[in-house]
Structures are given as structure tokens and as C-alpha cells.
């Protein structure tokens, strides 16, 4: 009986080591992967808020229309263009290159904004 208890203890130890190895690898992998960067712009009262947003390369910006009329988000250099967004609808774009991206609402061209990407 003593031998059987010892083999169960050895098996339990091997299972514990295997489990800890898997958990440790998973924790290390997620620690090495930075979280996805996001930022938000609100469309309300015929304005983009903030009007100028500064983000890092790789950031996804989401515009949300909080106005009670439709709007669009269109870059002046053609990098992105949303469809018409109704109340509470969103448009997202991931900025992969550094630069300054000016944009406007094609329905209301006096509405302007910019995203500065570093």
C-alpha cells in the first residue's frame, strides 16, 4: 500500500508541474502582448469631441454619433470614409502610420477634426 500512495503522490506532482508550466506560459504570453489601444470621439451638437485627438500608432479610434441627425467621418486624404452614421451608430479606424489625419463630416462640411498619430 505504501508503494501505491507514493506513485499517486508522484503522479499528482507531475500533473501539478504540467499545470503550472501551462499557466506560466499563458501568463508570460499575455504579458508580452500589449493591450490593443483604443480611443473615442463623440459626435454631438454638430461637433467632433475632442476636435484634435493624439494617439499612438496602432490605435483604433471609434467615432460615435450622439447627435439626433446623421453624420459621416471622412478623411481629407482618403485614408478612411464612413457611411452615414445615425444616432448611436459608430465608425472605427485603426491608425497604422504616424501622421496628422484631418477629417470632416461630408453631410456638414463645417464639422472638422483631426487625429495626430505618433
PDB file of N, CA and C in Angstrom:
ATOM      1  N   UNK A   1       0.810  -1.187   0.000  1.00  0.00           N
ATOM      2  CA  UNK A   1       0.000   0.000   0.000  1.00  0.00           C
ATOM      3  C   UNK A   1       0.856   1.254   0.000  1.00  0.00           C
ATOM      4  N   UNK A   2       1.987   1.238   0.682  1.00  0.00           N
ATOM      5  CA  UNK A   2       2.857   2.400   0.719  1.00  0.00           C
ATOM      6  C   UNK A   2       3.371   2.748  -0.673  1.00  0.00           C
ATOM      7  N   UNK A   3       3.691   1.747  -1.457  1.00  0.00           N
ATOM      8  CA  UNK A   3       4.212   1.985  -2.791  1.00  0.00           C
ATOM      9  C   UNK A   3       3.146   2.663  -3.667  1.00  0.00           C
ATOM     10  N   UNK A   4       1.899   2.215  -3.530  1.00  0.00           N
ATOM     11  CA  UNK A   4       0.815   2.798  -4.310  1.00  0.00           C
ATOM     12  C   UNK A   4       0.595   4.268  -3.935  1.00  0.00           C
ATOM     13  N   UNK A   5       0.640   4.618  -2.670  1.00  0.00           N
ATOM     14  CA  UNK A   5       0.485   6.002  -2.220  1.00  0.00           C
ATOM     15  C   UNK A   5       1.607   6.854  -2.806  1.00  0.00           C
ATOM     16  N   UNK A   6       2.810   6.323  -2.807  1.00  0.00           N
ATOM     17  CA  UNK A   6       3.956   7.062  -3.360  1.00  0.00           C
ATOM     18  C   UNK A   6       3.795   7.304  -4.845  1.00  0.00           C
ATOM     19  N   UNK A   7       3.271   6.324  -5.600  1.00  0.00           N
ATOM     20  CA  UNK A   7       3.105   6.527  -7.040  1.00  0.00           C
ATOM     21  C   UNK A   7       1.986   7.539  -7.322  1.00  0.00           C
ATOM     22  N   UNK A   8       0.945   7.548  -6.478  1.00  0.00           N
ATOM     23  CA  UNK A   8      -0.106   8.555  -6.627  1.00  0.00           C
ATOM     24  C   UNK A   8       0.439   9.953  -6.331  1.00  0.00           C
ATOM     25  N   UNK A   9       1.276  10.048  -5.330  1.00  0.00           N
ATOM     26  CA  UNK A   9       1.872  11.329  -4.981  1.00  0.00           C
ATOM     27  C   UNK A   9       2.773  11.810  -6.119  1.00  0.00           C
ATOM     28  N   UNK A  10       3.530  10.910  -6.715  1.00  0.00           N
ATOM     29  CA  UNK A  10       4.400  11.262  -7.838  1.00  0.00           C
ATOM     30  C   UNK A  10       3.590  11.714  -9.047  1.00  0.00           C
ATOM     31  N   UNK A  11       2.492  11.007  -9.310  1.00  0.00           N
ATOM     32  CA  UNK A  11       1.617  11.372 -10.424  1.00  0.00           C
ATOM     33  C   UNK A  11       0.994  12.743 -10.170  1.00  0.00           C
ATOM     34  N   UNK A  12       0.538  12.992  -8.950  1.00  0.00           N
ATOM     35  CA  UNK A  12      -0.050  14.286  -8.600  1.00  0.00           C
ATOM     36  C   UNK A  12       0.978  15.402  -8.774  1.00  0.00           C
ATOM     37  N   UNK A  13       2.221  15.128  -8.403  1.00  0.00           N
ATOM     38  CA  UNK A  13       3.279  16.117  -8.554  1.00  0.00           C
ATOM     39  C   UNK A  13       3.531  16.421 -10.032  1.00  0.00           C
ATOM     40  N   UNK A  14       3.562  15.398 -10.876  1.00  0.00           N
ATOM     41  CA  UNK A  14       3.764  15.613 -12.314  1.00  0.00           C
ATOM     42  C   UNK A  14       2.622  16.425 -12.930  1.00  0.00           C
ATOM     43  N   UNK A  15       1.396  16.131 -12.517  1.00  0.00           N
ATOM     44  CA  UNK A  15       0.241  16.881 -13.024  1.00  0.00           C
ATOM     45  C   UNK A  15       0.331  18.342 -12.585  1.00  0.00           C
ATOM     46  N   UNK A  16       0.705  18.584 -11.334  1.00  0.00           N
ATOM     47  CA  UNK A  16       0.830  19.954 -10.827  1.00  0.00           C
ATOM     48  C   UNK A  16       1.904  20.717 -11.592  1.00  0.00           C
ATOM     49  N   UNK A  17       3.032  20.072 -11.870  1.00  0.00           N
ATOM     50  CA  UNK A  17       4.112  20.728 -12.613  1.00  0.00           C
ATOM     51  C   UNK A  17       3.655  21.055 -14.032  1.00  0.00           C
ATOM     52  N   UNK A  18       2.964  20.117 -14.678  1.00  0.00           N
ATOM     53  CA  UNK A  18       2.468  20.357 -16.035  1.00  0.00           C
ATOM     54  C   UNK A  18       1.484  21.522 -16.044  1.00  0.00           C
ATOM     55  N   UNK A  19       0.587  21.566 -15.076  1.00  0.00           N
ATOM     56  CA  UNK A  19      -0.401  22.638 -14.973  1.00  0.00           C
ATOM     57  C   UNK A  19       0.280  23.985 -14.784  1.00  0.00           C
ATOM     58  N   UNK A  20       1.245  24.048 -13.882  1.00  0.00           N
ATOM     59  CA  UNK A  20       1.942  25.303 -13.626  1.00  0.00           C
ATOM     60  C   UNK A  20       2.731  25.772 -14.846  1.00  0.00           C
ATOM     61  N   UNK A  21       3.280  24.848 -15.600  1.00  0.00           N
ATOM     62  CA  UNK A  21       4.019  25.195 -16.813  1.00  0.00           C
ATOM     63  C   UNK A  21       3.087  25.834 -17.836  1.00  0.00           C
ATOM     64  N   UNK A  22       1.906  25.244 -18.030  1.00  0.00           N
ATOM     65  CA  UNK A  22       0.933  25.787 -18.984  1.00  0.00           C
ATOM     66  C   UNK A  22       0.454  27.164 -18.534  1.00  0.00           C
ATOM     67  N   UNK A  23       0.111  27.307 -17.260  1.00  0.00           N
ATOM     68  CA  UNK A  23      -0.375  28.585 -16.738  1.00  0.00           C
ATOM     69  C   UNK A  23       0.713  29.648 -16.846  1.00  0.00           C
ATOM     70  N   UNK A  24       1.941  29.296 -16.508  1.00  0.00           N
ATOM     71  CA  UNK A  24       3.054  30.237 -16.576  1.00  0.00           C
ATOM     72  C   UNK A  24       3.279  30.710 -18.010  1.00  0.00           C
ATOM     73  N   UNK A  25       3.219  29.800 -18.990  1.00  0.00           N
ATOM     74  CA  UNK A  25       3.400  30.166 -20.396  1.00  0.00           C
ATOM     75  C   UNK A  25       2.295  31.104 -20.848  1.00  0.00           C
ATOM     76  N   UNK A  26       1.083  30.837 -20.429  1.00  0.00           N
ATOM     77  CA  UNK A  26      -0.059  31.675 -20.798  1.00  0.00           C
ATOM     78  C   UNK A  26       0.077  33.083 -20.213  1.00  0.00           C
ATOM     79  N   UNK A  27       0.488  33.175 -18.970  1.00  0.00           N
ATOM     80  CA  UNK A  27       0.668  34.480 -18.325  1.00  0.00           C
ATOM     81  C   UNK A  27       1.783  35.251 -19.010  1.00  0.00           C
ATOM     82  N   UNK A  28       2.883  34.581 -19.343  1.00  0.00           N
ATOM     83  CA  UNK A  28       4.005  35.248 -19.993  1.00  0.00           C
ATOM     84  C   UNK A  28       3.592  35.745 -21.375  1.00  0.00           C
ATOM     85  N   UNK A  29       2.842  34.951 -22.141  1.00  0.00           N
ATOM     86  CA  UNK A  29       2.420  35.358 -23.478  1.00  0.00           C
ATOM     87  C   UNK A  29       1.527  36.589 -23.419  1.00  0.00           C
ATOM     88  N   UNK A  30       0.602  36.625 -22.472  1.00  0.00           N
ATOM     89  CA  UNK A  30      -0.276  37.789 -22.395  1.00  0.00           C
ATOM     90  C   UNK A  30       0.458  39.003 -21.850  1.00  0.00           C
ATOM     91  N   UNK A  31       1.495  38.821 -21.050  1.00  0.00           N
ATOM     92  CA  UNK A  31       2.275  39.940 -20.536  1.00  0.00           C
ATOM     93  C   UNK A  31       3.115  40.562 -21.648  1.00  0.00           C
ATOM     94  N   UNK A  32       3.542  39.755 -22.621  1.00  0.00           N
ATOM     95  CA  UNK A  32       4.357  40.250 -23.721  1.00  0.00           C
ATOM     96  C   UNK A  32       3.523  40.984 -24.762  1.00  0.00           C
ATOM     97  N   UNK A  33       2.249  40.691 -24.842  1.00  0.00           N
ATOM     98  CA  UNK A  33       1.361  41.284 -25.825  1.00  0.00           C
ATOM     99  C   UNK A  33       0.675  42.503 -25.217  1.00  0.00           C
ATOM    100  N   UNK A  34       1.020  43.714 -25.661  1.00  0.00           N
ATOM    101  CA  UNK A  34       0.380  44.893 -25.073  1.00  0.00           C
ATOM    102  C   UNK A  34      -1.101  44.925 -25.439  1.00  0.00           C
ATOM    103  N   UNK A  35      -1.915  45.496 -24.584  1.00  0.00           N
ATOM    104  CA  UNK A  35      -3.340  45.570 -24.895  1.00  0.00           C
ATOM    105  C   UNK A  35      -3.575  46.467 -26.104  1.00  0.00           C
ATOM    106  N   UNK A  36      -4.608  46.149 -26.846  1.00  0.00           N
ATOM    107  CA  UNK A  36      -4.936  46.960 -28.014  1.00  0.00           C
ATOM    108  C   UNK A  36      -5.328  48.365 -27.562  1.00  0.00           C
ATOM    109  N   UNK A  37      -4.759  49.366 -28.205  1.00  0.00           N
ATOM    110  CA  UNK A  37      -5.049  50.749 -27.846  1.00  0.00           C
ATOM    111  C   UNK A  37      -6.327  51.197 -28.549  1.00  0.00           C
ATOM    112  N   UNK A  38      -7.168  51.901 -27.811  1.00  0.00           N
ATOM    113  CA  UNK A  38      -8.400  52.432 -28.373  1.00  0.00           C
ATOM    114  C   UNK A  38      -8.596  53.863 -27.889  1.00  0.00           C
ATOM    115  N   UNK A  39      -9.355  54.613 -28.660  1.00  0.00           N
ATOM    116  CA  UNK A  39      -9.712  55.982 -28.290  1.00  0.00           C
ATOM    117  C   UNK A  39     -11.081  56.276 -28.886  1.00  0.00           C
ATOM    118  N   UNK A  40     -11.782  57.225 -28.283  1.00  0.00           N
ATOM    119  CA  UNK A  40     -13.139  57.538 -28.719  1.00  0.00           C
ATOM    120  C   UNK A  40     -13.297  59.011 -29.054  1.00  0.00           C
ATOM    121  N   UNK A  41     -14.109  59.259 -30.082  1.00  0.00           N
ATOM    122  CA  UNK A  41     -14.512  60.615 -30.449  1.00  0.00           C
ATOM    123  C   UNK A  41     -16.034  60.622 -30.453  1.00  0.00           C
ATOM    124  N   UNK A  42     -16.601  61.627 -29.813  1.00  0.00           N
ATOM    125  CA  UNK A  42     -18.054  61.762 -29.761  1.00  0.00           C
ATOM    126  C   UNK A  42     -18.478  62.776 -30.820  1.00  0.00           C
ATOM    127  N   UNK A  43     -19.557  62.457 -31.525  1.00  0.00           N
ATOM    128  CA  UNK A  43     -20.158  63.391 -32.476  1.00  0.00           C
ATOM    129  C   UNK A  43     -21.441  63.879 -31.815  1.00  0.00           C
ATOM    130  N   UNK A  44     -21.477  65.170 -31.493  1.00  0.00           N
ATOM    131  CA  UNK A  44     -22.639  65.714 -30.803  1.00  0.00           C
ATOM    132  C   UNK A  44     -22.732  67.214 -31.051  1.00  0.00           C
ATOM    133  N   UNK A  45     -23.946  67.702 -31.226  1.00  0.00           N
ATOM    134  CA  UNK A  45     -24.189  69.132 -31.401  1.00  0.00           C
ATOM    135  C   UNK A  45     -23.340  69.700 -32.554  1.00  0.00           C
ATOM    136  N   UNK A  46     -23.301  68.942 -33.656  1.00  0.00           N
ATOM    137  CA  UNK A  46     -22.567  69.334 -34.869  1.00  0.00           C
ATOM    138  C   UNK A  46     -21.081  69.560 -34.607  1.00  0.00           C
ATOM    139  N   UNK A  47     -20.481  68.717 -33.750  1.00  0.00           N
ATOM    140  CA  UNK A  47     -19.049  68.839 -33.459  1.00  0.00           C
ATOM    141  C   UNK A  47     -18.450  67.470 -33.143  1.00  0.00           C
ATOM    142  N   UNK A  48     -17.155  67.343 -33.453  1.00  0.00           N
ATOM    143  CA  UNK A  48     -16.369  66.172 -33.062  1.00  0.00           C
ATOM    144  C   UNK A  48     -15.667  66.530 -31.752  1.00  0.00           C
ATOM    145  N   UNK A  49     -15.817  65.665 -30.733  1.00  0.00           N
ATOM    146  CA  UNK A  49     -15.189  65.940 -29.436  1.00  0.00           C
ATOM    147  C   UNK A  49     -14.401  64.728 -28.979  1.00  0.00           C
ATOM    148  N   UNK A  50     -13.088  64.862 -28.765  1.00  0.00           N
ATOM    149  CA  UNK A  50     -12.295  66.086 -28.930  1.00  0.00           C
ATOM    150  C   UNK A  50     -12.095  66.396 -30.410  1.00  0.00           C
ATOM    151  N   UNK A  51     -11.884  67.663 -30.688  1.00  0.00           N
ATOM    152  CA  UNK A  51     -11.681  68.067 -32.077  1.00  0.00           C
ATOM    153  C   UNK A  51     -10.316  67.599 -32.574  1.00  0.00           C
ATOM    154  N   UNK A  52      -9.318  67.601 -31.692  1.00  0.00           N
ATOM    155  CA  UNK A  52      -7.995  67.061 -32.015  1.00  0.00           C
ATOM    156  C   UNK A  52      -7.688  65.953 -31.015  1.00  0.00           C
ATOM    157  N   UNK A  53      -7.356  64.794 -31.539  1.00  0.00           N
ATOM    158  CA  UNK A  53      -7.054  63.625 -30.720  1.00  0.00           C
ATOM    159  C   UNK A  53      -5.645  63.166 -31.057  1.00  0.00           C
ATOM    160  N   UNK A  54      -4.812  62.924 -30.040  1.00  0.00           N
ATOM    161  CA  UNK A  54      -3.453  62.431 -30.253  1.00  0.00           C
ATOM    162  C   UNK A  54      -3.366  61.001 -29.742  1.00  0.00           C
ATOM    163  N   UNK A  55      -2.893  60.088 -30.622  1.00  0.00           N
ATOM    164  CA  UNK A  55      -2.828  58.664 -30.279  1.00  0.00           C
ATOM    165  C   UNK A  55      -1.509  58.074 -30.766  1.00  0.00           C
ATOM    166  N   UNK A  56      -1.226  56.867 -30.315  1.00  0.00           N
ATOM    167  CA  UNK A  56      -0.038  56.132 -30.762  1.00  0.00           C
ATOM    168  C   UNK A  56      -0.380  55.322 -32.020  1.00  0.00           C
ATOM    169  N   UNK A  57       0.649  55.023 -32.808  1.00  0.00           N
ATOM    170  CA  UNK A  57       0.471  54.145 -33.965  1.00  0.00           C
ATOM    171  C   UNK A  57      -0.151  52.834 -33.474  1.00  0.00           C
ATOM    172  N   UNK A  58      -1.111  52.323 -34.225  1.00  0.00           N
ATOM    173  CA  UNK A  58      -1.773  51.073 -33.866  1.00  0.00           C
ATOM    174  C   UNK A  58      -3.062  51.261 -33.081  1.00  0.00           C
ATOM    175  N   UNK A  59      -3.413  52.501 -32.788  1.00  0.00           N
ATOM    176  CA  UNK A  59      -4.629  52.778 -32.028  1.00  0.00           C
ATOM    177  C   UNK A  59      -5.851  52.735 -32.940  1.00  0.00           C
ATOM    178  N   UNK A  60      -6.915  52.133 -32.442  1.00  0.00           N
ATOM    179  CA  UNK A  60      -8.198  52.149 -33.142  1.00  0.00           C
ATOM    180  C   UNK A  60      -9.056  53.253 -32.538  1.00  0.00           C
ATOM    181  N   UNK A  61      -9.483  54.170 -33.385  1.00  0.00           N
ATOM    182  CA  UNK A  61     -10.343  55.269 -32.946  1.00  0.00           C
ATOM    183  C   UNK A  61     -11.776  54.934 -33.369  1.00  0.00           C
ATOM    184  N   UNK A  62     -12.702  55.135 -32.442  1.00  0.00           N
ATOM    185  CA  UNK A  62     -14.119  54.904 -32.724  1.00  0.00           C
ATOM    186  C   UNK A  62     -14.882  56.210 -32.542  1.00  0.00           C
ATOM    187  N   UNK A  63     -15.590  56.599 -33.595  1.00  0.00           N
ATOM    188  CA  UNK A  63     -16.463  57.760 -33.553  1.00  0.00           C
ATOM    189  C   UNK A  63     -17.879  57.266 -33.279  1.00  0.00           C
ATOM    190  N   UNK A  64     -18.585  57.902 -32.359  1.00  0.00           N
ATOM    191  CA  UNK A  64     -19.965  57.542 -32.039  1.00  0.00           C
ATOM    192  C   UNK A  64     -20.851  58.761 -32.252  1.00  0.00           C
ATOM    193  N   UNK A  65     -21.882  58.586 -33.069  1.00  0.00           N
ATOM    194  CA  UNK A  65     -22.802  59.688 -33.330  1.00  0.00           C
ATOM    195  C   UNK A  65     -23.814  59.792 -32.192  1.00  0.00           C
ATOM    196  N   UNK A  66     -23.702  60.819 -31.384  1.00  0.00           N
ATOM    197  CA  UNK A  66     -24.624  61.083 -30.277  1.00  0.00           C
ATOM    198  C   UNK A  66     -25.642  62.163 -30.658  1.00  0.00           C
ATOM    199  N   UNK A  67     -25.549  62.642 -31.910  1.00  0.00           N
ATOM    200  CA  UNK A  67     -26.482  63.654 -32.391  1.00  0.00           C
ATOM    201  C   UNK A  67     -27.769  62.967 -32.841  1.00  0.00           C
ATOM    202  N   UNK A  68     -28.831  63.761 -33.004  1.00  0.00           N
ATOM    203  CA  UNK A  68     -30.096  63.181 -33.448  1.00  0.00           C
ATOM    204  C   UNK A  68     -30.269  63.261 -34.964  1.00  0.00           C
ATOM    205  N   UNK A  69     -29.178  63.603 -35.672  1.00  0.00           N
ATOM    206  CA  UNK A  69     -29.190  63.617 -37.129  1.00  0.00           C
ATOM    207  C   UNK A  69     -27.958  62.876 -37.647  1.00  0.00           C
ATOM    208  N   UNK A  70     -27.998  62.396 -38.889  1.00  0.00           N
ATOM    209  CA  UNK A  70     -26.885  61.615 -39.441  1.00  0.00           C
ATOM    210  C   UNK A  70     -25.627  62.445 -39.684  1.00  0.00           C
ATOM    211  N   UNK A  71     -24.484  61.775 -39.571  1.00  0.00           N
ATOM    212  CA  UNK A  71     -23.176  62.381 -39.854  1.00  0.00           C
ATOM    213  C   UNK A  71     -22.275  61.328 -40.502  1.00  0.00           C
ATOM    214  N   UNK A  72     -21.159  61.793 -41.067  1.00  0.00           N
ATOM    215  CA  UNK A  72     -20.127  60.906 -41.600  1.00  0.00           C
ATOM    216  C   UNK A  72     -18.783  61.304 -41.009  1.00  0.00           C
ATOM    217  N   UNK A  73     -17.792  60.446 -41.224  1.00  0.00           N
ATOM    218  CA  UNK A  73     -16.410  60.728 -40.832  1.00  0.00           C
ATOM    219  C   UNK A  73     -15.558  60.424 -42.063  1.00  0.00           C
ATOM    220  N   UNK A  74     -15.001  61.476 -42.680  1.00  0.00           N
ATOM    221  CA  UNK A  74     -14.281  61.315 -43.950  1.00  0.00           C
ATOM    222  C   UNK A  74     -12.938  62.026 -43.853  1.00  0.00           C
ATOM    223  N   UNK A  75     -11.850  61.296 -44.078  1.00  0.00           N
ATOM    224  CA  UNK A  75     -10.527  61.931 -44.033  1.00  0.00           C
ATOM    225  C   UNK A  75     -10.294  62.729 -45.308  1.00  0.00           C
ATOM    226  N   UNK A  76      -9.575  63.821 -45.184  1.00  0.00           N
ATOM    227  CA  UNK A  76      -9.313  64.677 -46.345  1.00  0.00           C
ATOM    228  C   UNK A  76      -8.320  64.045 -47.315  1.00  0.00           C
ATOM    229  N   UNK A  77      -7.529  63.066 -46.833  1.00  0.00           N
ATOM    230  CA  UNK A  77      -6.543  62.420 -47.711  1.00  0.00           C
ATOM    231  C   UNK A  77      -7.005  61.060 -48.233  1.00  0.00           C
ATOM    232  N   UNK A  78      -8.267  60.681 -47.962  1.00  0.00           N
ATOM    233  CA  UNK A  78      -8.802  59.420 -48.468  1.00  0.00           C
ATOM    234  C   UNK A  78      -8.423  58.191 -47.659  1.00  0.00           C
ATOM    235  N   UNK A  79      -7.813  58.362 -46.496  1.00  0.00           N
ATOM    236  CA  UNK A  79      -7.387  57.213 -45.682  1.00  0.00           C
ATOM    237  C   UNK A  79      -8.580  56.433 -45.122  1.00  0.00           C
ATOM    238  N   UNK A  80      -9.668  57.122 -44.810  1.00  0.00           N
ATOM    239  CA  UNK A  80     -10.864  56.454 -44.290  1.00  0.00           C
ATOM    240  C   UNK A  80     -12.108  57.246 -44.652  1.00  0.00           C
ATOM    241  N   UNK A  81     -13.230  56.534 -44.724  1.00  0.00           N
ATOM    242  CA  UNK A  81     -14.508  57.167 -45.062  1.00  0.00           C
ATOM    243  C   UNK A  81     -15.620  56.287 -44.518  1.00  0.00           C
ATOM    244  N   UNK A  82     -16.424  56.866 -43.640  1.00  0.00           N
ATOM    245  CA  UNK A  82     -17.546  56.097 -43.093  1.00  0.00           C
ATOM    246  C   UNK A  82     -18.768  56.259 -43.982  1.00  0.00           C
ATOM    247  N   UNK A  83     -19.696  55.341 -43.797  1.00  0.00           N
ATOM    248  CA  UNK A  83     -21.036  55.518 -44.363  1.00  0.00           C
ATOM    249  C   UNK A  83     -21.744  56.494 -43.441  1.00  0.00           C
ATOM    250  N   UNK A  84     -22.925  56.928 -43.827  1.00  0.00           N
ATOM    251  CA  UNK A  84     -23.709  57.811 -42.966  1.00  0.00           C
ATOM    252  C   UNK A  84     -24.043  57.050 -41.685  1.00  0.00           C
ATOM    253  N   UNK A  85     -23.750  57.683 -40.550  1.00  0.00           N
ATOM    254  CA  UNK A  85     -23.983  57.077 -39.235  1.00  0.00           C
ATOM    255  C   UNK A  85     -25.160  57.769 -38.565  1.00  0.00           C
ATOM    256  N   UNK A  86     -26.163  57.000 -38.191  1.00  0.00           N
ATOM    257  CA  UNK A  86     -27.324  57.535 -37.474  1.00  0.00           C
ATOM    258  C   UNK A  86     -27.019  57.627 -35.984  1.00  0.00           C
ATOM    259  N   UNK A  87     -27.969  58.081 -35.208  1.00  0.00           N
ATOM    260  CA  UNK A  87     -27.806  58.225 -33.757  1.00  0.00           C
ATOM    261  C   UNK A  87     -27.350  56.905 -33.135  1.00  0.00           C
ATOM    262  N   UNK A  88     -26.301  56.981 -32.318  1.00  0.00           N
ATOM    263  CA  UNK A  88     -25.697  55.858 -31.597  1.00  0.00           C
ATOM    264  C   UNK A  88     -24.934  54.867 -32.484  1.00  0.00           C
ATOM    265  N   UNK A  89     -24.835  55.113 -33.769  1.00  0.00           N
ATOM    266  CA  UNK A  89     -24.026  54.249 -34.617  1.00  0.00           C
ATOM    267  C   UNK A  89     -22.567  54.689 -34.542  1.00  0.00           C
ATOM    268  N   UNK A  90     -21.663  53.747 -34.819  1.00  0.00           N
ATOM    269  CA  UNK A  90     -20.233  54.010 -34.693  1.00  0.00           C
ATOM    270  C   UNK A  90     -19.504  53.749 -36.006  1.00  0.00           C
ATOM    271  N   UNK A  91     -18.307  54.291 -36.069  1.00  0.00           N
ATOM    272  CA  UNK A  91     -17.355  54.029 -37.142  1.00  0.00           C
ATOM    273  C   UNK A  91     -15.982  53.939 -36.500  1.00  0.00           C
ATOM    274  N   UNK A  92     -15.209  52.919 -36.870  1.00  0.00           N
ATOM    275  CA  UNK A  92     -13.869  52.737 -36.295  1.00  0.00           C
ATOM    276  C   UNK A  92     -12.825  52.653 -37.398  1.00  0.00           C
ATOM    277  N   UNK A  93     -11.621  53.132 -37.065  1.00  0.00           N
ATOM    278  CA  UNK A  93     -10.487  53.055 -37.979  1.00  0.00           C
ATOM    279  C   UNK A  93      -9.220  52.867 -37.161  1.00  0.00           C
ATOM    280  N   UNK A  94      -8.370  51.920 -37.605  1.00  0.00           N
ATOM    281  CA  UNK A  94      -7.095  51.663 -36.924  1.00  0.00           C
ATOM    282  C   UNK A  94      -5.991  52.433 -37.648  1.00  0.00           C
ATOM    283  N   UNK A  95      -5.289  53.286 -36.902  1.00  0.00           N
ATOM    284  CA  UNK A  95      -4.229  54.121 -37.469  1.00  0.00           C
ATOM    285  C   UNK A  95      -2.899  53.368 -37.407  1.00  0.00           C
ATOM    286  N   UNK A  96      -2.426  52.943 -38.579  1.00  0.00           N
ATOM    287  CA  UNK A  96      -1.210  52.129 -38.685  1.00  0.00           C
ATOM    288  C   UNK A  96       0.046  52.940 -38.983  1.00  0.00           C
ATOM    289  N   UNK A  97      -0.117  54.203 -39.386  1.00  0.00           N
ATOM    290  CA  UNK A  97       1.040  55.038 -39.739  1.00  0.00           C
ATOM    291  C   UNK A  97       0.985  56.366 -38.992  1.00  0.00           C
ATOM    292  N   UNK A  98       2.167  56.878 -38.641  1.00  0.00           N
ATOM    293  CA  UNK A  98       2.255  58.189 -37.992  1.00  0.00           C
ATOM    294  C   UNK A  98       1.855  59.281 -38.984  1.00  0.00           C
ATOM    295  N   UNK A  99       1.311  60.353 -38.448  1.00  0.00           N
ATOM    296  CA  UNK A  99       0.930  61.479 -39.289  1.00  0.00           C
ATOM    297  C   UNK A  99      -0.243  62.225 -38.687  1.00  0.00           C
ATOM    298  N   UNK A 100      -0.675  63.263 -39.377  1.00  0.00           N
ATOM    299  CA  UNK A 100      -1.850  64.027 -38.963  1.00  0.00           C
ATOM    300  C   UNK A 100      -2.947  63.764 -39.979  1.00  0.00           C
ATOM    301  N   UNK A 101      -4.069  63.275 -39.492  1.00  0.00           N
ATOM    302  CA  UNK A 101      -5.200  62.910 -40.331  1.00  0.00           C
ATOM    303  C   UNK A 101      -6.344  63.887 -40.059  1.00  0.00           C
ATOM    304  N   UNK A 102      -6.578  64.793 -41.007  1.00  0.00           N
ATOM    305  CA  UNK A 102      -7.694  65.731 -40.898  1.00  0.00           C
ATOM    306  C   UNK A 102      -8.940  65.046 -41.464  1.00  0.00           C
ATOM    307  N   UNK A 103     -10.098  65.342 -40.878  1.00  0.00           N
ATOM    308  CA  UNK A 103     -11.337  64.744 -41.355  1.00  0.00           C
ATOM    309  C   UNK A 103     -12.496  65.719 -41.174  1.00  0.00           C
ATOM    310  N   UNK A 104     -13.636  65.381 -41.790  1.00  0.00           N
ATOM    311  CA  UNK A 104     -14.816  66.233 -41.737  1.00  0.00           C
ATOM    312  C   UNK A 104     -16.060  65.374 -41.909  1.00  0.00           C
ATOM    313  N   UNK A 105     -17.215  65.980 -41.722  1.00  0.00           N
ATOM    314  CA  UNK A 105     -18.494  65.336 -41.990  1.00  0.00           C
ATOM    315  C   UNK A 105     -18.912  65.756 -43.395  1.00  0.00           C
ATOM    316  N   UNK A 106     -19.113  64.801 -44.298  1.00  0.00           N
ATOM    317  CA  UNK A 106     -19.471  65.157 -45.676  1.00  0.00           C
ATOM    318  C   UNK A 106     -20.894  65.706 -45.773  1.00  0.00           C
ATOM    319  N   UNK A 107     -21.731  65.444 -44.784  1.00  0.00           N
ATOM    320  CA  UNK A 107     -23.079  65.993 -44.756  1.00  0.00           C
ATOM    321  C   UNK A 107     -23.057  67.439 -44.259  1.00  0.00           C
ATOM    322  N   UNK A 108     -22.122  67.728 -43.337  1.00  0.00           N
ATOM    323  CA  UNK A 108     -21.979  69.061 -42.731  1.00  0.00           C
ATOM    324  C   UNK A 108     -20.491  69.432 -42.769  1.00  0.00           C
ATOM    325  N   UNK A 109     -19.977  69.874 -43.914  1.00  0.00           N
ATOM    326  CA  UNK A 109     -18.530  70.084 -44.105  1.00  0.00           C
ATOM    327  C   UNK A 109     -17.858  71.048 -43.135  1.00  0.00           C
ATOM    328  N   UNK A 110     -18.630  71.872 -42.430  1.00  0.00           N
ATOM    329  CA  UNK A 110     -18.008  72.768 -41.451  1.00  0.00           C
ATOM    330  C   UNK A 110     -17.597  72.024 -40.183  1.00  0.00           C
ATOM    331  N   UNK A 111     -18.076  70.793 -40.039  1.00  0.00           N
ATOM    332  CA  UNK A 111     -17.657  69.943 -38.907  1.00  0.00           C
ATOM    333  C   UNK A 111     -16.310  69.331 -39.258  1.00  0.00           C
ATOM    334  N   UNK A 112     -15.266  69.648 -38.504  1.00  0.00           N
ATOM    335  CA  UNK A 112     -13.930  69.136 -38.801  1.00  0.00           C
ATOM    336  C   UNK A 112     -13.256  68.616 -37.539  1.00  0.00           C
ATOM    337  N   UNK A 113     -12.264  67.799 -37.737  1.00  0.00           N
ATOM    338  CA  UNK A 113     -11.453  67.285 -36.643  1.00  0.00           C
ATOM    339  C   UNK A 113     -10.149  66.754 -37.184  1.00  0.00           C
ATOM    340  N   UNK A 114      -9.285  66.306 -36.273  1.00  0.00           N
ATOM    341  CA  UNK A 114      -8.040  65.686 -36.721  1.00  0.00           C
ATOM    342  C   UNK A 114      -7.556  64.687 -35.682  1.00  0.00           C
ATOM    343  N   UNK A 115      -6.854  63.678 -36.208  1.00  0.00           N
ATOM    344  CA  UNK A 115      -6.199  62.687 -35.358  1.00  0.00           C
ATOM    345  C   UNK A 115      -4.710  62.800 -35.650  1.00  0.00           C
ATOM    346  N   UNK A 116      -3.931  63.041 -34.588  1.00  0.00           N
ATOM    347  CA  UNK A 116      -2.473  63.118 -34.683  1.00  0.00           C
ATOM    348  C   UNK A 116      -1.930  61.792 -34.180  1.00  0.00           C
ATOM    349  N   UNK A 117      -1.182  61.094 -35.034  1.00  0.00           N
ATOM    350  CA  UNK A 117      -0.669  59.766 -34.708  1.00  0.00           C
ATOM    351  C   UNK A 117       0.841  59.819 -34.585  1.00  0.00           C
ATOM    352  N   UNK A 118       1.355  59.395 -33.408  1.00  0.00           N
ATOM    353  CA  UNK A 118       2.811  59.381 -33.151  1.00  0.00           C
ATOM    354  C   UNK A 118       3.309  57.960 -33.183  1.00  0.00           C
TER     355      UNK A 118
END
